[in-house]
C-alpha cells in the first residue's frame, strides 16, 4: 500500500511539471524555521515510565520531544486568477534527552532516554494569492503530502559498578500521509524577489513503527554487541495498584504482557507518533 501511495504521489509530481509554461509563470520559495510536533501518545508513555521509576527511587524529569528546526523549498506554478500549484519538499528534525538517576548505598544507576525523529515531507499545495498593496501579497494555501521518516530511540543504562554500560538503539523508517494548510505574507524587496514569513499547520500520524534493535554492552573487562533484531514500538497501560495507573511505552519484538506479579498490563497496541503540529518559518521567494 505504501509503495502504491508513493507511486501515485510521484505521478502527481511528474504530471504537475508538465503544466504549460506559455501561460504559467513560476516562482521558487526557500525557507527555514522551526516546527512543533504533538507526539502526545509517545510523550505520555515515557512520562508514565518516568513516573513509575521515580517511585522506585529514581530522580529526574522526563523532557518531552516536540520542537526542532526545519528547512524547505517549493516550486509554484501560476494557474492564473491568483491560483497556483505548488510542489515542495522539506526536512525536519526533533531530538530530546532525559536523564534519570538512582543513588543506592553500593551503586549508582543512570538511565538516559534519547529519542529523535527526522522527517522529509513531500507536499502538493493549491495556492491563492491576495494582493494587499503594490509590494505586499498574502499567500494562502492547502494541500496533501507524504512523510518519509526515520525514528531513532536510544536508551542508555550506566552504573558505576565495574563501569557497566548498556546502550539499546531502536531504529525504524515509518511513513504517513499528511495534510497541511498555511498562510504567508510576502514583501517584495526588488523586481521578482520577495521576503516572506509563513505559518503552517499539519496533520500526520506515524503508525506501526517497526524496525530493528541493536544492543551495545560494555564493562570493565570487555564489551559485546547483539542484534540487529526485529522489534516494534508498543504502548500499554500499567496498573500497579488501583491508584497507581500509568500509560507506558516500550520496544519489543512481541506485545508486552503481564508477568506473574501484581502488576497488570492492559490496552496493549502498536504505538503512534503524532507529527501533527505547526511551524513558523521565513525565507525568500524568487519569481522566474
C-alpha atoms as a PDB file:
ATOM      1  CA  UNK A   1       0.000   0.000   0.000  1.00  0.00           C
ATOM      2  CA  UNK A   2       2.806   2.414   0.844  1.00  0.00           C
ATOM      3  CA  UNK A   3       4.519   1.714  -2.472  1.00  0.00           C
ATOM      4  CA  UNK A   4       1.270   2.438  -4.292  1.00  0.00           C
ATOM      5  CA  UNK A   5       0.839   5.674  -2.365  1.00  0.00           C
ATOM      6  CA  UNK A   6       4.362   6.795  -3.179  1.00  0.00           C
ATOM      7  CA  UNK A   7       3.911   5.901  -6.854  1.00  0.00           C
ATOM      8  CA  UNK A   8       0.643   7.853  -7.016  1.00  0.00           C
ATOM      9  CA  UNK A   9       2.197  10.870  -5.355  1.00  0.00           C
ATOM     10  CA  UNK A  10       5.182  10.684  -7.691  1.00  0.00           C
ATOM     11  CA  UNK A  11       2.828  10.591 -10.640  1.00  0.00           C
ATOM     12  CA  UNK A  12       1.182  13.794  -9.410  1.00  0.00           C
ATOM     13  CA  UNK A  13       4.559  15.469  -9.063  1.00  0.00           C
ATOM     14  CA  UNK A  14       5.704  14.467 -12.530  1.00  0.00           C
ATOM     15  CA  UNK A  15       2.364  15.417 -14.084  1.00  0.00           C
ATOM     16  CA  UNK A  16       2.430  18.834 -12.470  1.00  0.00           C
ATOM     17  CA  UNK A  17       5.811  19.566 -14.016  1.00  0.00           C
ATOM     18  CA  UNK A  18       4.158  19.492 -17.428  1.00  0.00           C
ATOM     19  CA  UNK A  19       1.897  22.486 -16.751  1.00  0.00           C
ATOM     20  CA  UNK A  20       2.071  24.587 -19.946  1.00  0.00           C
ATOM     21  CA  UNK A  21       4.771  27.160 -19.416  1.00  0.00           C
ATOM     22  CA  UNK A  22       3.389  29.538 -22.054  1.00  0.00           C
ATOM     23  CA  UNK A  23       0.581  30.581 -19.751  1.00  0.00           C
ATOM     24  CA  UNK A  24       2.199  29.934 -16.396  1.00  0.00           C
ATOM     25  CA  UNK A  25       4.895  31.842 -14.520  1.00  0.00           C
ATOM     26  CA  UNK A  26       6.961  30.012 -11.943  1.00  0.00           C
ATOM     27  CA  UNK A  27       8.256  31.062  -8.542  1.00  0.00           C
ATOM     28  CA  UNK A  28      10.527  29.325  -6.046  1.00  0.00           C
ATOM     29  CA  UNK A  29      10.243  29.615  -2.262  1.00  0.00           C
ATOM     30  CA  UNK A  30      13.167  28.752   0.032  1.00  0.00           C
ATOM     31  CA  UNK A  31      12.505  28.744   3.775  1.00  0.00           C
ATOM     32  CA  UNK A  32      13.949  27.934   7.167  1.00  0.00           C
ATOM     33  CA  UNK A  33      12.401  27.939  10.618  1.00  0.00           C
ATOM     34  CA  UNK A  34      11.144  25.774  13.459  1.00  0.00           C
ATOM     35  CA  UNK A  35       8.301  23.309  13.936  1.00  0.00           C
ATOM     36  CA  UNK A  36       6.317  21.787  16.781  1.00  0.00           C
ATOM     37  CA  UNK A  37       5.003  18.184  16.761  1.00  0.00           C
ATOM     38  CA  UNK A  38       2.448  16.980  19.301  1.00  0.00           C
ATOM     39  CA  UNK A  39       3.906  13.465  19.852  1.00  0.00           C
ATOM     40  CA  UNK A  40       1.256  13.195  22.565  1.00  0.00           C
ATOM     41  CA  UNK A  41       0.995   9.408  22.919  1.00  0.00           C
ATOM     42  CA  UNK A  42       4.752   8.900  22.763  1.00  0.00           C
ATOM     43  CA  UNK A  43       5.463  11.579  25.376  1.00  0.00           C
ATOM     44  CA  UNK A  44       2.660  10.324  27.629  1.00  0.00           C
ATOM     45  CA  UNK A  45       4.144   6.807  27.501  1.00  0.00           C
ATOM     46  CA  UNK A  46       7.616   7.924  28.555  1.00  0.00           C
ATOM     47  CA  UNK A  47       6.141  10.220  31.199  1.00  0.00           C
ATOM     48  CA  UNK A  48       4.417   7.163  32.647  1.00  0.00           C
ATOM     49  CA  UNK A  49       7.664   5.180  32.630  1.00  0.00           C
ATOM     50  CA  UNK A  50       9.390   8.100  34.373  1.00  0.00           C
ATOM     51  CA  UNK A  51       6.663   8.472  36.991  1.00  0.00           C
ATOM     52  CA  UNK A  52       6.895   4.766  37.835  1.00  0.00           C
ATOM     53  CA  UNK A  53      10.709   4.975  38.014  1.00  0.00           C
ATOM     54  CA  UNK A  54      10.568   7.960  40.370  1.00  0.00           C
ATOM     55  CA  UNK A  55       8.504   5.886  42.795  1.00  0.00           C
ATOM     56  CA  UNK A  56      11.248   3.246  42.581  1.00  0.00           C
ATOM     57  CA  UNK A  57      13.956   5.648  43.865  1.00  0.00           C
ATOM     58  CA  UNK A  58      14.929   7.403  40.588  1.00  0.00           C
ATOM     59  CA  UNK A  59      15.067  11.185  40.317  1.00  0.00           C
ATOM     60  CA  UNK A  60      14.893  13.419  37.270  1.00  0.00           C
ATOM     61  CA  UNK A  61      12.147  14.681  34.928  1.00  0.00           C
ATOM     62  CA  UNK A  62      11.164  13.446  31.500  1.00  0.00           C
ATOM     63  CA  UNK A  63      11.635  16.110  28.825  1.00  0.00           C
ATOM     64  CA  UNK A  64       9.059  15.644  26.037  1.00  0.00           C
ATOM     65  CA  UNK A  65      10.128  15.734  22.414  1.00  0.00           C
ATOM     66  CA  UNK A  66       8.321  18.489  20.490  1.00  0.00           C
ATOM     67  CA  UNK A  67      10.454  21.146  18.788  1.00  0.00           C
ATOM     68  CA  UNK A  68      13.048  21.148  16.037  1.00  0.00           C
ATOM     69  CA  UNK A  69      14.443  23.027  13.033  1.00  0.00           C
ATOM     70  CA  UNK A  70      13.096  22.762   9.514  1.00  0.00           C
ATOM     71  CA  UNK A  71      14.098  23.816   6.007  1.00  0.00           C
ATOM     72  CA  UNK A  72      12.143  23.533   2.782  1.00  0.00           C
ATOM     73  CA  UNK A  73      11.702  24.502  -0.844  1.00  0.00           C
ATOM     74  CA  UNK A  74       8.617  24.816  -3.040  1.00  0.00           C
ATOM     75  CA  UNK A  75       8.124  25.485  -6.735  1.00  0.00           C
ATOM     76  CA  UNK A  76       4.828  27.230  -7.520  1.00  0.00           C
ATOM     77  CA  UNK A  77       3.282  27.240 -10.987  1.00  0.00           C
ATOM     78  CA  UNK A  78       0.830  30.083 -11.663  1.00  0.00           C
ATOM     79  CA  UNK A  79      -2.553  28.878 -12.931  1.00  0.00           C
ATOM     80  CA  UNK A  80      -3.987  32.368 -13.451  1.00  0.00           C
ATOM     81  CA  UNK A  81      -6.607  34.255 -11.473  1.00  0.00           C
ATOM     82  CA  UNK A  82      -4.405  34.297  -8.373  1.00  0.00           C
ATOM     83  CA  UNK A  83      -4.218  30.479  -8.173  1.00  0.00           C
ATOM     84  CA  UNK A  84      -1.048  28.417  -8.213  1.00  0.00           C
ATOM     85  CA  UNK A  85       0.048  24.802  -7.865  1.00  0.00           C
ATOM     86  CA  UNK A  86       2.950  24.195  -5.515  1.00  0.00           C
ATOM     87  CA  UNK A  87       5.310  21.209  -5.374  1.00  0.00           C
ATOM     88  CA  UNK A  88       7.636  21.077  -2.396  1.00  0.00           C
ATOM     89  CA  UNK A  89       9.911  19.085  -0.138  1.00  0.00           C
ATOM     90  CA  UNK A  90      11.416  19.748   3.246  1.00  0.00           C
ATOM     91  CA  UNK A  91      13.466  18.430   6.155  1.00  0.00           C
ATOM     92  CA  UNK A  92      12.545  18.436   9.840  1.00  0.00           C
ATOM     93  CA  UNK A  93      14.336  17.014  12.855  1.00  0.00           C
ATOM     94  CA  UNK A  94      13.478  16.928  16.560  1.00  0.00           C
ATOM     95  CA  UNK A  95      15.632  15.472  19.340  1.00  0.00           C
ATOM     96  CA  UNK A  96      15.473  15.387  23.126  1.00  0.00           C
ATOM     97  CA  UNK A  97      17.268  13.807  26.060  1.00  0.00           C
ATOM     98  CA  UNK A  98      16.126  12.952  29.594  1.00  0.00           C
ATOM     99  CA  UNK A  99      18.252  11.643  32.458  1.00  0.00           C
ATOM    100  CA  UNK A 100      17.083   9.623  35.477  1.00  0.00           C
ATOM    101  CA  UNK A 101      19.436   8.819  38.357  1.00  0.00           C
ATOM    102  CA  UNK A 102      19.130   6.358  41.233  1.00  0.00           C
ATOM    103  CA  UNK A 103      21.725   6.570  44.024  1.00  0.00           C
ATOM    104  CA  UNK A 104      21.878   3.445  46.175  1.00  0.00           C
ATOM    105  CA  UNK A 105      24.310   2.675  49.026  1.00  0.00           C
ATOM    106  CA  UNK A 106      26.510   0.476  46.802  1.00  0.00           C
ATOM    107  CA  UNK A 107      25.852   1.558  43.220  1.00  0.00           C
ATOM    108  CA  UNK A 108      24.500   4.488  41.187  1.00  0.00           C
ATOM    109  CA  UNK A 109      22.282   3.891  38.158  1.00  0.00           C
ATOM    110  CA  UNK A 110      21.904   6.439  35.363  1.00  0.00           C
ATOM    111  CA  UNK A 111      19.247   5.993  32.666  1.00  0.00           C
ATOM    112  CA  UNK A 112      19.224   8.252  29.595  1.00  0.00           C
ATOM    113  CA  UNK A 113      16.284   8.422  27.172  1.00  0.00           C
ATOM    114  CA  UNK A 114      17.253   9.973  23.818  1.00  0.00           C
ATOM    115  CA  UNK A 115      14.634   9.879  21.026  1.00  0.00           C
ATOM    116  CA  UNK A 116      14.929  11.613  17.645  1.00  0.00           C
ATOM    117  CA  UNK A 117      12.641  11.927  14.631  1.00  0.00           C
ATOM    118  CA  UNK A 118      13.735  13.067  11.172  1.00  0.00           C
ATOM    119  CA  UNK A 119      11.056  13.698   8.564  1.00  0.00           C
ATOM    120  CA  UNK A 120      11.114  14.552   4.866  1.00  0.00           C
ATOM    121  CA  UNK A 121       7.664  15.904   3.904  1.00  0.00           C
ATOM    122  CA  UNK A 122       6.709  15.883   0.203  1.00  0.00           C
ATOM    123  CA  UNK A 123       3.808  18.251  -0.466  1.00  0.00           C
ATOM    124  CA  UNK A 124       1.352  19.251  -3.182  1.00  0.00           C
ATOM    125  CA  UNK A 125      -0.415  22.571  -2.474  1.00  0.00           C
ATOM    126  CA  UNK A 126      -3.077  24.742  -4.074  1.00  0.00           C
ATOM    127  CA  UNK A 127      -2.223  28.427  -3.541  1.00  0.00           C
ATOM    128  CA  UNK A 128      -4.328  31.563  -3.786  1.00  0.00           C
ATOM    129  CA  UNK A 129      -2.677  34.985  -3.625  1.00  0.00           C
ATOM    130  CA  UNK A 130      -4.272  38.217  -2.422  1.00  0.00           C
ATOM    131  CA  UNK A 131      -2.627  41.485  -3.440  1.00  0.00           C
ATOM    132  CA  UNK A 132      -2.700  43.808  -0.425  1.00  0.00           C
ATOM    133  CA  UNK A 133      -0.611  46.579  -1.949  1.00  0.00           C
ATOM    134  CA  UNK A 134       1.926  47.138  -4.690  1.00  0.00           C
ATOM    135  CA  UNK A 135       4.646  45.316  -2.748  1.00  0.00           C
ATOM    136  CA  UNK A 136       2.668  43.212  -0.243  1.00  0.00           C
ATOM    137  CA  UNK A 137       0.975  39.878  -1.056  1.00  0.00           C
ATOM    138  CA  UNK A 138      -0.933  37.425   1.132  1.00  0.00           C
ATOM    139  CA  UNK A 139      -0.479  33.805   0.048  1.00  0.00           C
ATOM    140  CA  UNK A 140      -2.936  31.209   1.398  1.00  0.00           C
ATOM    141  CA  UNK A 141      -2.626  27.515   0.594  1.00  0.00           C
ATOM    142  CA  UNK A 142      -3.750  23.999   1.467  1.00  0.00           C
ATOM    143  CA  UNK A 143      -2.795  20.584   0.210  1.00  0.00           C
ATOM    144  CA  UNK A 144      -1.776  16.983   0.806  1.00  0.00           C
ATOM    145  CA  UNK A 145       1.538  15.229   1.111  1.00  0.00           C
ATOM    146  CA  UNK A 146       3.539  12.250   2.267  1.00  0.00           C
ATOM    147  CA  UNK A 147       6.054  11.979   5.131  1.00  0.00           C
ATOM    148  CA  UNK A 148       9.182   9.819   4.898  1.00  0.00           C
ATOM    149  CA  UNK A 149      10.603   9.470   8.412  1.00  0.00           C
ATOM    150  CA  UNK A 150      13.439   7.970  10.408  1.00  0.00           C
ATOM    151  CA  UNK A 151      12.649   7.294  14.055  1.00  0.00           C
ATOM    152  CA  UNK A 152      15.521   6.520  16.417  1.00  0.00           C
ATOM    153  CA  UNK A 153      15.363   5.865  20.137  1.00  0.00           C
ATOM    154  CA  UNK A 154      18.389   5.309  22.349  1.00  0.00           C
ATOM    155  CA  UNK A 155      18.136   4.063  25.914  1.00  0.00           C
ATOM    156  CA  UNK A 156      21.361   4.115  27.938  1.00  0.00           C
ATOM    157  CA  UNK A 157      21.791   2.388  31.295  1.00  0.00           C
ATOM    158  CA  UNK A 158      25.076   3.124  33.089  1.00  0.00           C
ATOM    159  CA  UNK A 159      26.304   2.092  36.535  1.00  0.00           C
ATOM    160  CA  UNK A 160      29.488   2.857  38.411  1.00  0.00           C
ATOM    161  CA  UNK A 161      29.805  -0.823  39.371  1.00  0.00           C
ATOM    162  CA  UNK A 162      32.538  -2.266  37.114  1.00  0.00           C
ATOM    163  CA  UNK A 163      31.824   0.663  34.757  1.00  0.00           C
ATOM    164  CA  UNK A 164      28.853  -1.214  33.282  1.00  0.00           C
ATOM    165  CA  UNK A 165      27.205   0.412  30.233  1.00  0.00           C
ATOM    166  CA  UNK A 166      24.326  -0.717  28.043  1.00  0.00           C
ATOM    167  CA  UNK A 167      23.023   1.187  25.014  1.00  0.00           C
ATOM    168  CA  UNK A 168      19.861  -0.097  23.320  1.00  0.00           C
ATOM    169  CA  UNK A 169      19.158   1.538  19.956  1.00  0.00           C
ATOM    170  CA  UNK A 170      15.869   1.143  18.086  1.00  0.00           C
ATOM    171  CA  UNK A 171      15.599   2.422  14.509  1.00  0.00           C
ATOM    172  CA  UNK A 172      12.541   2.448  12.237  1.00  0.00           C
ATOM    173  CA  UNK A 173      11.527   4.101   8.963  1.00  0.00           C
ATOM    174  CA  UNK A 174       7.761   4.745   9.133  1.00  0.00           C
ATOM    175  CA  UNK A 175       5.837   6.893   6.663  1.00  0.00           C
ATOM    176  CA  UNK A 176       2.403   8.500   6.532  1.00  0.00           C
ATOM    177  CA  UNK A 177       0.092  10.718   4.532  1.00  0.00           C
ATOM    178  CA  UNK A 178      -0.277  14.294   5.696  1.00  0.00           C
ATOM    179  CA  UNK A 179      -2.484  17.312   5.121  1.00  0.00           C
ATOM    180  CA  UNK A 180      -1.343  20.889   5.533  1.00  0.00           C
ATOM    181  CA  UNK A 181      -2.592  24.462   5.263  1.00  0.00           C
ATOM    182  CA  UNK A 182      -0.868  27.746   5.786  1.00  0.00           C
ATOM    183  CA  UNK A 183      -0.583  31.440   5.198  1.00  0.00           C
ATOM    184  CA  UNK A 184       2.377  33.583   4.135  1.00  0.00           C
ATOM    185  CA  UNK A 185       2.981  37.315   3.967  1.00  0.00           C
ATOM    186  CA  UNK A 186       5.239  38.205   1.020  1.00  0.00           C
ATOM    187  CA  UNK A 187       7.001  41.581   0.839  1.00  0.00           C
ATOM    188  CA  UNK A 188       8.660  42.450  -2.472  1.00  0.00           C
ATOM    189  CA  UNK A 189      12.130  43.953  -1.973  1.00  0.00           C
ATOM    190  CA  UNK A 190      13.277  44.006  -5.610  1.00  0.00           C
ATOM    191  CA  UNK A 191      11.907  43.114  -9.019  1.00  0.00           C
ATOM    192  CA  UNK A 192      10.648  39.490  -8.788  1.00  0.00           C
ATOM    193  CA  UNK A 193      12.289  38.954  -5.385  1.00  0.00           C
ATOM    194  CA  UNK A 194      10.414  38.944  -2.089  1.00  0.00           C
ATOM    195  CA  UNK A 195      10.901  38.058   1.556  1.00  0.00           C
ATOM    196  CA  UNK A 196       8.154  36.163   3.383  1.00  0.00           C
ATOM    197  CA  UNK A 197       7.113  34.882   6.772  1.00  0.00           C
ATOM    198  CA  UNK A 198       4.914  31.794   6.871  1.00  0.00           C
ATOM    199  CA  UNK A 199       2.815  29.890   9.405  1.00  0.00           C
ATOM    200  CA  UNK A 200       1.615  26.363   8.688  1.00  0.00           C
ATOM    201  CA  UNK A 201      -0.385  23.661  10.414  1.00  0.00           C
ATOM    202  CA  UNK A 202      -0.313  19.987   9.501  1.00  0.00           C
ATOM    203  CA  UNK A 203      -1.974  16.667  10.357  1.00  0.00           C
ATOM    204  CA  UNK A 204       0.059  13.447  10.149  1.00  0.00           C
ATOM    205  CA  UNK A 205       0.488  10.360  12.340  1.00  0.00           C
ATOM    206  CA  UNK A 206       3.110   7.626  12.105  1.00  0.00           C
ATOM    207  CA  UNK A 207       1.647   4.207  12.925  1.00  0.00           C
ATOM    208  CA  UNK A 208       3.064   0.673  13.161  1.00  0.00           C
ATOM    209  CA  UNK A 209       6.579   1.865  13.997  1.00  0.00           C
ATOM    210  CA  UNK A 210       8.560  -1.313  13.387  1.00  0.00           C
ATOM    211  CA  UNK A 211      12.280  -1.691  12.785  1.00  0.00           C
ATOM    212  CA  UNK A 212      15.397  -3.162  14.375  1.00  0.00           C
ATOM    213  CA  UNK A 213      17.148  -3.021  17.728  1.00  0.00           C
ATOM    214  CA  UNK A 214      20.854  -3.157  18.482  1.00  0.00           C
ATOM    215  CA  UNK A 215      22.335  -3.549  21.950  1.00  0.00           C
ATOM    216  CA  UNK A 216      25.865  -2.358  22.780  1.00  0.00           C
ATOM    217  CA  UNK A 217      27.228  -3.556  26.124  1.00  0.00           C
ATOM    218  CA  UNK A 218      30.490  -2.986  27.939  1.00  0.00           C
ATOM    219  CA  UNK A 219      32.015  -3.228  31.390  1.00  0.00           C
ATOM    220  CA  UNK A 220      35.461  -3.035  32.922  1.00  0.00           C
ATOM    221  CA  UNK A 221      36.660  -6.328  31.395  1.00  0.00           C
ATOM    222  CA  UNK A 222      35.169  -6.343  27.912  1.00  0.00           C
ATOM    223  CA  UNK A 223      32.363  -5.453  25.522  1.00  0.00           C
ATOM    224  CA  UNK A 224      29.922  -7.127  23.135  1.00  0.00           C
ATOM    225  CA  UNK A 225      27.143  -6.305  20.677  1.00  0.00           C
ATOM    226  CA  UNK A 226      23.853  -8.096  19.983  1.00  0.00           C
ATOM    227  CA  UNK A 227      21.392  -7.681  17.117  1.00  0.00           C
ATOM    228  CA  UNK A 228      20.041  -6.460  14.873  1.00  0.00           C
ATOM    229  CA  UNK A 229      16.731  -7.933  15.997  1.00  0.00           C
ATOM    230  CA  UNK A 230      13.223  -7.047  14.732  1.00  0.00           C
ATOM    231  CA  UNK A 231      11.108  -5.011  17.130  1.00  0.00           C
ATOM    232  CA  UNK A 232       8.187  -2.591  17.315  1.00  0.00           C
ATOM    233  CA  UNK A 233       7.166   0.375  19.440  1.00  0.00           C
ATOM    234  CA  UNK A 234       4.280  -0.520  21.777  1.00  0.00           C
ATOM    235  CA  UNK A 235       2.045   1.386  24.163  1.00  0.00           C
ATOM    236  CA  UNK A 236       0.038  -0.051  27.052  1.00  0.00           C
ATOM    237  CA  UNK A 237      -1.443   0.731  30.463  1.00  0.00           C
ATOM    238  CA  UNK A 238       0.421  -0.489  33.552  1.00  0.00           C
ATOM    239  CA  UNK A 239      -1.695  -0.924  36.705  1.00  0.00           C
ATOM    240  CA  UNK A 240       0.373  -1.465  39.839  1.00  0.00           C
ATOM    241  CA  UNK A 241      -2.477  -0.626  42.253  1.00  0.00           C
ATOM    242  CA  UNK A 242      -5.932   0.907  41.670  1.00  0.00           C
ATOM    243  CA  UNK A 243      -4.381   4.324  42.414  1.00  0.00           C
ATOM    244  CA  UNK A 244      -1.133   3.744  40.513  1.00  0.00           C
ATOM    245  CA  UNK A 245      -2.006   3.510  36.812  1.00  0.00           C
ATOM    246  CA  UNK A 246       0.495   4.606  34.151  1.00  0.00           C
ATOM    247  CA  UNK A 247       0.447   4.819  30.358  1.00  0.00           C
ATOM    248  CA  UNK A 248       3.782   3.408  29.249  1.00  0.00           C
ATOM    249  CA  UNK A 249       5.777   2.747  26.094  1.00  0.00           C
ATOM    250  CA  UNK A 250       8.253   0.003  25.224  1.00  0.00           C
ATOM    251  CA  UNK A 251      10.259  -1.525  22.379  1.00  0.00           C
ATOM    252  CA  UNK A 252       9.969  -5.280  21.963  1.00  0.00           C
ATOM    253  CA  UNK A 253       9.601  -7.990  19.337  1.00  0.00           C
ATOM    254  CA  UNK A 254       6.257  -9.131  20.763  1.00  0.00           C
ATOM    255  CA  UNK A 255       3.413  -7.356  22.514  1.00  0.00           C
ATOM    256  CA  UNK A 256       4.119  -6.701  26.232  1.00  0.00           C
ATOM    257  CA  UNK A 257       2.102  -8.842  28.626  1.00  0.00           C
ATOM    258  CA  UNK A 258       1.507  -9.132  32.358  1.00  0.00           C
ATOM    259  CA  UNK A 259       4.012 -11.009  34.484  1.00  0.00           C
ATOM    260  CA  UNK A 260       3.247 -13.230  37.436  1.00  0.00           C
ATOM    261  CA  UNK A 261       3.378 -10.407  39.976  1.00  0.00           C
ATOM    262  CA  UNK A 262       0.635  -7.970  40.937  1.00  0.00           C
ATOM    263  CA  UNK A 263       1.294  -5.625  38.035  1.00  0.00           C
ATOM    264  CA  UNK A 264      -1.228  -5.762  35.215  1.00  0.00           C
ATOM    265  CA  UNK A 265      -0.653  -4.714  31.613  1.00  0.00           C
ATOM    266  CA  UNK A 266      -3.686  -3.871  29.510  1.00  0.00           C
ATOM    267  CA  UNK A 267      -4.734  -1.908  26.402  1.00  0.00           C
ATOM    268  CA  UNK A 268      -1.675  -3.142  24.501  1.00  0.00           C
ATOM    269  CA  UNK A 269      -1.274  -1.914  20.900  1.00  0.00           C
ATOM    270  CA  UNK A 270       1.287  -0.524  18.455  1.00  0.00           C
ATOM    271  CA  UNK A 271       2.300   2.997  19.473  1.00  0.00           C
ATOM    272  CA  UNK A 272       1.760   6.069  17.308  1.00  0.00           C
ATOM    273  CA  UNK A 273       3.985   9.105  16.861  1.00  0.00           C
ATOM    274  CA  UNK A 274       1.862  12.170  16.158  1.00  0.00           C
ATOM    275  CA  UNK A 275       3.600  14.583  13.787  1.00  0.00           C
ATOM    276  CA  UNK A 276       0.603  16.906  13.786  1.00  0.00           C
ATOM    277  CA  UNK A 277       1.506  20.420  14.791  1.00  0.00           C
ATOM    278  CA  UNK A 278       2.584  23.784  13.445  1.00  0.00           C
ATOM    279  CA  UNK A 279       5.611  25.547  12.042  1.00  0.00           C
ATOM    280  CA  UNK A 280       6.830  29.105  11.674  1.00  0.00           C
ATOM    281  CA  UNK A 281       9.384  29.986   9.017  1.00  0.00           C
ATOM    282  CA  UNK A 282      10.835  32.772   6.925  1.00  0.00           C
ATOM    283  CA  UNK A 283      12.543  32.846   3.567  1.00  0.00           C
ATOM    284  CA  UNK A 284      12.929  34.269   0.095  1.00  0.00           C
ATOM    285  CA  UNK A 285      10.637  33.952  -2.919  1.00  0.00           C
ATOM    286  CA  UNK A 286      12.059  34.290  -6.447  1.00  0.00           C
ATOM    287  CA  UNK A 287       9.669  34.779  -9.351  1.00  0.00           C
ATOM    288  CA  UNK A 288      11.110  33.478 -12.626  1.00  0.00           C
END
